[in-house]
Amino acid sequence: MRWRPDLLVWMRGPVQPSVLFETAKAGLPALMVDAEAEMIAVAGGGWRLGTKRAAYQQFERLLAADGTAAARLRRIGVEPTRIEIIGRLDATRPLPDCYERDRADLAAAIGSRPVWLVAGGVEAEIDAIAAAQRQASKRAHRLLMIVAPASEAAALPIARALRARGFIVAERAEGDEPDEATEIYVADGPGEIGLWYRLAPMTFLGGTLSDLPCRDPMEPAALGSAVLHGPRQALHAPGFGRLAAAGACRIVRGPADLGQAVEALLAPDRAAMLARAAWDVATEGAEATNRTMELVRQTLERR
């Protein structure tokens, strides 16, 4: 049986006029979604401008990521009535989840204590996070630091190293829960990271002070935890860039700055403002995604 598509959805990538002309010849509707300016070539690419203009006329609707993309579409000859600016599609991965009972139990154990999280903790940054906890605890003596190690294998060495520095440490791997005396709670690896994000109003992303792999900053951002990070962020540079552009994260230039940053965000209103800005960035693609799906559904229903 021959495959017969019902719709062409063009997402990113340079437009291929020959494909669009064949699609039109077959009587198929075509939509352009998530159109970004850099992908809308007004000239070049081996096609004459007239051919490109004609190709873009084959799209019923064109959903632009921003005003710059919309302007390029108009410049290439697309009627403004067929262009809609909806923002970029949501490119985030599914968020890490947690068991609600575990969250409720730990929240009860922590009570009203201020909390911060080191997500993806690494041994190379032990001195930095220890110094930060010690400094910030001078302002909030009940401060609890949760360390979610980057790997299960790192959990025990991190707990031992922090205990050797004089902290009262509880370990989840040992079945411990934090009590009033606990200064640092070490998780048993990255597997429950969604739980820790939901418990901590602020998160420092481990690895960003030592050029080691770090977690996606959009994870804590989307779960309402204010984001702190160091200058090393190549693996997730686009995500960090989006947060920084919106003033939705705080960078610490070195180990000495981390304690000051944690101390500053102990003020609930400051942490909440940063977390809200980060949440806005992390979820901004959801509306665009919903609009795109709605348009696809409407177009198919007309077939």
Protein backbone atom coordinates (compact mmCIF):
# COMPACT_ATOMS: atom_id res chain seq x y z
CA MET A 1 0.00 0.00 0.00
CA ARG A 2 1.42 3.36 -1.01
CA TRP A 3 2.06 5.85 1.79
CA ARG A 4 -0.20 8.90 1.47
CA PRO A 5 0.60 11.78 3.84
CA ASP A 6 -2.14 14.18 4.90
CA LEU A 7 -0.04 17.20 5.80
CA LEU A 8 3.46 18.67 5.46
CA VAL A 9 4.84 20.36 8.57
CA TRP A 10 8.14 22.14 7.90
CA MET A 11 10.15 22.66 11.07
CA ARG A 12 13.52 24.39 10.91
CA GLY A 13 16.04 23.70 8.20
CA PRO A 14 16.29 25.58 4.88
CA VAL A 15 13.22 25.41 2.67
CA GLN A 16 13.44 23.08 -0.35
CA PRO A 17 11.29 24.58 -3.15
CA SER A 18 11.10 21.32 -5.10
CA VAL A 19 9.56 19.52 -2.12
CA LEU A 20 7.01 22.26 -1.59
CA PHE A 21 6.04 22.38 -5.26
CA GLU A 22 5.49 18.61 -5.31
CA THR A 23 3.48 18.85 -2.10
CA ALA A 24 1.25 21.51 -3.65
CA LYS A 25 0.86 19.43 -6.80
CA ALA A 26 -0.38 16.54 -4.65
CA GLY A 27 -2.94 18.81 -3.03
CA LEU A 28 -1.44 18.58 0.45
CA PRO A 29 -1.60 21.50 2.89
CA ALA A 30 1.74 22.76 4.23
CA LEU A 31 2.57 24.56 7.47
CA MET A 32 5.83 26.13 8.59
CA VAL A 33 6.35 25.98 12.35
CA ASP A 34 9.05 27.27 14.70
CA ALA A 35 10.39 29.49 11.91
CA GLU A 36 13.65 31.13 13.03
CA ALA A 37 15.33 34.03 11.25
CA GLU A 38 18.60 32.24 10.53
CA MET A 39 16.73 29.53 8.62
CA ILE A 40 14.87 31.96 6.37
CA ALA A 41 17.31 32.69 3.57
CA VAL A 42 16.28 35.65 1.42
CA ALA A 43 19.06 35.00 -1.07
CA GLY A 44 21.59 32.29 -1.86
CA GLY A 45 21.31 28.54 -1.46
CA GLY A 46 21.29 27.85 -5.20
CA TRP A 47 17.72 29.03 -5.79
CA ARG A 48 16.60 32.23 -7.46
CA LEU A 49 14.74 34.69 -5.29
CA GLY A 50 11.61 34.32 -7.41
CA THR A 51 11.65 30.56 -6.89
CA LYS A 52 12.04 31.00 -3.14
CA ARG A 53 9.20 33.50 -3.02
CA ALA A 54 6.99 31.05 -4.88
CA ALA A 55 8.01 28.23 -2.52
CA TYR A 56 7.01 30.18 0.57
CA GLN A 57 3.60 30.85 -0.98
CA GLN A 58 2.84 27.13 -0.62
CA PHE A 59 2.56 27.42 3.16
CA GLU A 60 -0.96 28.03 4.43
CA ARG A 61 0.30 29.35 7.74
CA LEU A 62 3.75 30.24 9.02
CA LEU A 63 4.40 30.28 12.77
CA ALA A 64 7.36 32.54 13.54
CA ALA A 65 9.57 32.22 16.60
CA ASP A 66 9.96 35.98 16.96
CA GLY A 67 9.56 39.35 15.27
CA THR A 68 12.85 39.06 13.40
CA ALA A 69 11.74 35.82 11.77
CA ALA A 70 8.36 37.35 10.90
CA ALA A 71 10.09 40.34 9.29
CA ARG A 72 12.19 38.04 7.12
CA LEU A 73 9.12 36.14 6.02
CA ARG A 74 7.43 39.39 5.00
CA ARG A 75 10.59 40.46 3.18
CA ILE A 76 10.57 37.29 1.12
CA GLY A 77 7.02 37.99 0.07
CA VAL A 78 4.77 36.18 2.54
CA GLU A 79 1.52 38.01 3.23
CA PRO A 80 1.38 39.26 6.84
CA THR A 81 -2.04 37.65 7.31
CA ARG A 82 -0.45 34.19 6.99
CA ILE A 83 2.25 34.88 9.59
CA GLU A 84 1.74 34.39 13.32
CA ILE A 85 4.36 35.12 15.98
CA ILE A 86 4.00 32.55 18.76
CA GLY A 87 7.51 32.17 20.21
CA ARG A 88 9.78 29.14 20.16
CA LEU A 89 8.52 25.64 20.66
CA ASP A 90 9.15 23.94 23.97
CA ALA A 91 12.42 22.04 23.60
CA THR A 92 12.73 20.90 27.20
CA ARG A 93 12.89 17.25 28.14
CA PRO A 94 10.37 15.62 30.46
CA LEU A 95 10.95 16.88 33.98
CA PRO A 96 12.32 14.52 36.63
CA ASP A 97 9.50 13.34 38.84
CA CYS A 98 9.30 12.10 42.41
CA TYR A 99 7.07 10.15 44.75
CA GLU A 100 4.73 12.58 46.47
CA ARG A 101 4.84 10.57 49.69
CA ASP A 102 8.64 10.87 49.83
CA ARG A 103 8.39 14.60 49.18
CA ALA A 104 5.79 15.06 51.91
CA ASP A 105 7.76 12.99 54.44
CA LEU A 106 11.00 14.87 53.83
CA ALA A 107 9.26 18.24 53.81
CA ALA A 108 7.85 17.37 57.23
CA ALA A 109 11.28 16.31 58.49
CA ILE A 110 12.87 19.53 57.23
CA GLY A 111 10.08 21.70 58.55
CA SER A 112 10.70 25.44 58.35
CA ARG A 113 14.45 25.19 57.91
CA PRO A 114 16.02 27.10 54.99
CA VAL A 115 17.37 24.70 52.36
CA TRP A 116 19.66 24.83 49.37
CA LEU A 117 20.61 22.08 46.96
CA VAL A 118 23.81 21.10 45.22
CA ALA A 119 22.58 19.20 42.16
CA GLY A 120 25.15 16.95 40.55
CA GLY A 121 27.66 17.37 43.34
CA VAL A 122 31.26 16.43 42.50
CA GLU A 123 34.26 15.77 44.70
CA ALA A 124 36.26 18.49 42.93
CA GLU A 125 33.96 21.12 44.44
CA ILE A 126 33.82 19.85 48.02
CA ASP A 127 35.82 22.78 49.38
CA ALA A 128 33.62 25.30 47.57
CA ILE A 129 30.29 23.93 48.77
CA ALA A 130 31.61 23.34 52.29
CA ALA A 131 32.82 26.93 52.52
CA ALA A 132 29.52 28.20 51.14
CA GLN A 133 27.51 26.23 53.70
CA ARG A 134 29.70 27.47 56.53
CA GLN A 135 29.45 31.10 55.42
CA ALA A 136 25.69 31.10 54.76
CA SER A 137 25.03 29.31 58.06
CA LYS A 138 26.31 32.37 59.90
CA ARG A 139 23.21 34.19 58.67
CA ALA A 140 20.82 31.24 58.97
CA HIS A 141 22.16 28.87 61.61
CA ARG A 142 19.52 26.20 60.80
CA LEU A 143 20.48 26.13 57.12
CA LEU A 144 20.39 22.66 55.54
CA MET A 145 22.45 21.81 52.47
CA ILE A 146 21.28 18.84 50.39
CA VAL A 147 23.88 17.29 48.09
CA ALA A 148 22.63 15.14 45.23
CA PRO A 149 25.85 13.57 43.88
CA ALA A 150 26.49 13.35 40.16
CA SER A 151 26.77 9.56 40.53
CA GLU A 152 25.95 6.91 43.10
CA ALA A 153 29.66 6.13 43.43
CA ALA A 154 30.35 9.70 44.55
CA ALA A 155 27.84 9.67 47.42
CA LEU A 156 29.99 7.97 50.06
CA PRO A 157 33.23 9.89 49.28
CA ILE A 158 31.32 13.19 49.38
CA ALA A 159 29.69 12.31 52.70
CA ARG A 160 33.04 11.30 54.19
CA ALA A 161 34.77 14.44 52.92
CA LEU A 162 32.11 16.73 54.36
CA ARG A 163 32.09 14.88 57.67
CA ALA A 164 35.88 15.20 57.81
CA ARG A 165 35.44 18.97 57.50
CA GLY A 166 33.43 19.00 60.72
CA PHE A 167 29.85 18.93 59.46
CA ILE A 168 27.04 16.83 60.87
CA VAL A 169 26.11 14.71 57.85
CA ALA A 170 23.16 12.38 57.28
CA GLU A 171 23.08 9.93 54.36
CA ARG A 172 20.02 8.79 52.48
CA ALA A 173 21.86 5.61 51.46
CA GLU A 174 21.95 4.70 55.16
CA GLY A 175 18.22 5.29 55.58
CA ASP A 176 18.76 8.56 57.43
CA GLU A 177 16.38 11.50 57.39
CA PRO A 178 17.56 15.01 58.24
CA ASP A 179 16.85 16.09 61.81
CA GLU A 180 17.42 19.40 63.58
CA ALA A 181 21.09 18.63 64.11
CA THR A 182 21.79 17.70 60.47
CA GLU A 183 23.80 20.32 58.59
CA ILE A 184 24.23 18.41 55.33
CA TYR A 185 22.06 15.68 53.85
CA VAL A 186 23.73 13.57 51.15
CA ALA A 187 21.43 11.83 48.69
CA ASP A 188 22.37 8.44 47.29
CA GLY A 189 22.89 9.61 43.71
CA PRO A 190 21.09 11.44 40.92
CA GLY A 191 18.09 9.11 40.74
CA GLU A 192 15.81 11.23 42.94
CA ILE A 193 16.86 14.62 41.62
CA GLY A 194 13.24 15.62 41.00
CA LEU A 195 12.56 15.18 44.71
CA TRP A 196 15.40 17.49 45.74
CA TYR A 197 14.49 20.22 43.25
CA ARG A 198 11.00 20.30 44.73
CA LEU A 199 12.31 20.63 48.28
CA ALA A 200 14.96 23.29 47.72
CA PRO A 201 14.13 26.94 46.92
CA MET A 202 17.60 27.40 45.41
CA THR A 203 19.89 25.06 43.48
CA PHE A 204 23.59 25.27 42.72
CA LEU A 205 24.54 23.20 39.68
CA GLY A 206 27.58 21.11 40.51
CA GLY A 207 30.35 20.85 37.95
CA THR A 208 30.05 24.46 36.83
CA LEU A 209 32.98 25.60 38.96
CA SER A 210 35.31 22.82 37.81
CA ASP A 211 34.47 22.31 34.13
CA LEU A 212 32.79 18.95 34.74
CA PRO A 213 29.44 17.86 33.26
CA CYS A 214 26.47 19.51 34.95
CA ARG A 215 22.73 19.02 34.93
CA ASP A 216 20.36 20.89 32.63
CA PRO A 217 19.55 24.26 34.26
CA MET A 218 16.02 24.05 32.87
CA GLU A 219 15.26 21.23 35.33
CA PRO A 220 15.38 23.31 38.53
CA ALA A 221 14.05 26.33 36.63
CA ALA A 222 10.91 24.49 35.56
CA LEU A 223 10.40 23.10 39.07
CA GLY A 224 10.54 26.45 40.84
CA SER A 225 14.07 26.41 42.27
CA ALA A 226 16.29 29.47 41.82
CA VAL A 227 19.40 28.63 39.77
CA LEU A 228 23.00 29.31 40.83
CA HIS A 229 25.91 28.23 38.66
CA GLY A 230 29.58 28.76 37.99
CA PRO A 231 31.22 29.96 34.75
CA ARG A 232 31.75 26.47 33.27
CA GLN A 233 28.60 25.63 31.35
CA ALA A 234 29.47 24.52 27.81
CA LEU A 235 27.27 21.42 27.82
CA HIS A 236 24.11 23.44 28.45
CA ALA A 237 25.24 26.86 27.18
CA PRO A 238 21.97 27.64 25.29
CA GLY A 239 19.87 27.01 28.39
CA PHE A 240 22.15 29.06 30.61
CA GLY A 241 22.12 31.80 27.98
CA ARG A 242 18.32 31.97 27.93
CA LEU A 243 18.16 32.18 31.71
CA ALA A 244 20.90 34.82 31.88
CA ALA A 245 19.23 36.97 29.21
CA ALA A 246 16.07 37.04 31.32
CA GLY A 247 17.92 37.75 34.57
CA ALA A 248 16.67 34.37 35.74
CA CYS A 249 19.83 32.86 37.23
CA ARG A 250 22.84 33.97 39.22
CA ILE A 251 26.40 33.23 38.20
CA VAL A 252 29.18 32.78 40.74
CA ARG A 253 32.61 33.49 39.32
CA GLY A 254 34.49 31.29 41.74
CA PRO A 255 34.27 29.31 44.98
CA ALA A 256 34.54 32.44 47.13
CA ASP A 257 31.39 33.89 45.55
CA LEU A 258 29.18 30.85 46.17
CA GLY A 259 28.67 31.49 49.87
CA GLN A 260 27.72 35.11 49.22
CA ALA A 261 25.21 34.05 46.56
CA VAL A 262 23.59 31.46 48.83
CA GLU A 263 23.49 33.98 51.67
CA ALA A 264 21.83 36.59 49.43
CA LEU A 265 19.13 34.17 48.30
CA LEU A 266 18.23 33.20 51.84
CA ALA A 267 15.88 36.18 51.64
CA PRO A 268 12.67 34.42 50.50
CA ASP A 269 11.55 37.28 48.27
CA ARG A 270 14.83 37.34 46.34
CA ALA A 271 14.86 33.59 45.80
CA ALA A 272 11.21 33.68 44.76
CA MET A 273 11.78 36.45 42.21
CA LEU A 274 14.69 34.57 40.65
CA ALA A 275 12.78 31.29 40.66
CA ARG A 276 9.72 32.89 39.04
CA ALA A 277 11.82 34.44 36.29
CA ALA A 278 13.49 31.07 35.67
CA TRP A 279 10.13 29.30 35.60
CA ASP A 280 8.86 31.77 33.01
CA VAL A 281 11.85 31.02 30.77
CA ALA A 282 11.65 27.26 31.24
CA THR A 283 7.97 27.10 30.37
CA GLU A 284 7.76 29.82 27.70
CA GLY A 285 7.63 27.27 24.88
CA ALA A 286 4.54 25.53 26.22
CA GLU A 287 2.10 28.07 24.77
CA ALA A 288 3.80 27.93 21.37
CA THR A 289 3.69 24.14 21.42
CA ASN A 290 -0.01 24.15 22.24
CA ARG A 291 -0.77 26.63 19.45
CA THR A 292 1.20 24.54 16.95
CA MET A 293 -0.66 21.38 17.88
CA GLU A 294 -3.96 23.22 17.63
CA LEU A 295 -3.12 24.47 14.12
CA VAL A 296 -2.07 20.98 12.98
CA ARG A 297 -5.32 19.53 14.32
CA GLN A 298 -7.44 22.22 12.67
CA THR A 299 -5.68 21.73 9.33
CA LEU A 300 -6.14 17.96 9.42
CA GLU A 301 -9.82 18.31 10.32
CA ARG A 302 -10.38 20.29 7.13
CA ARG A 303 -9.05 17.44 5.00
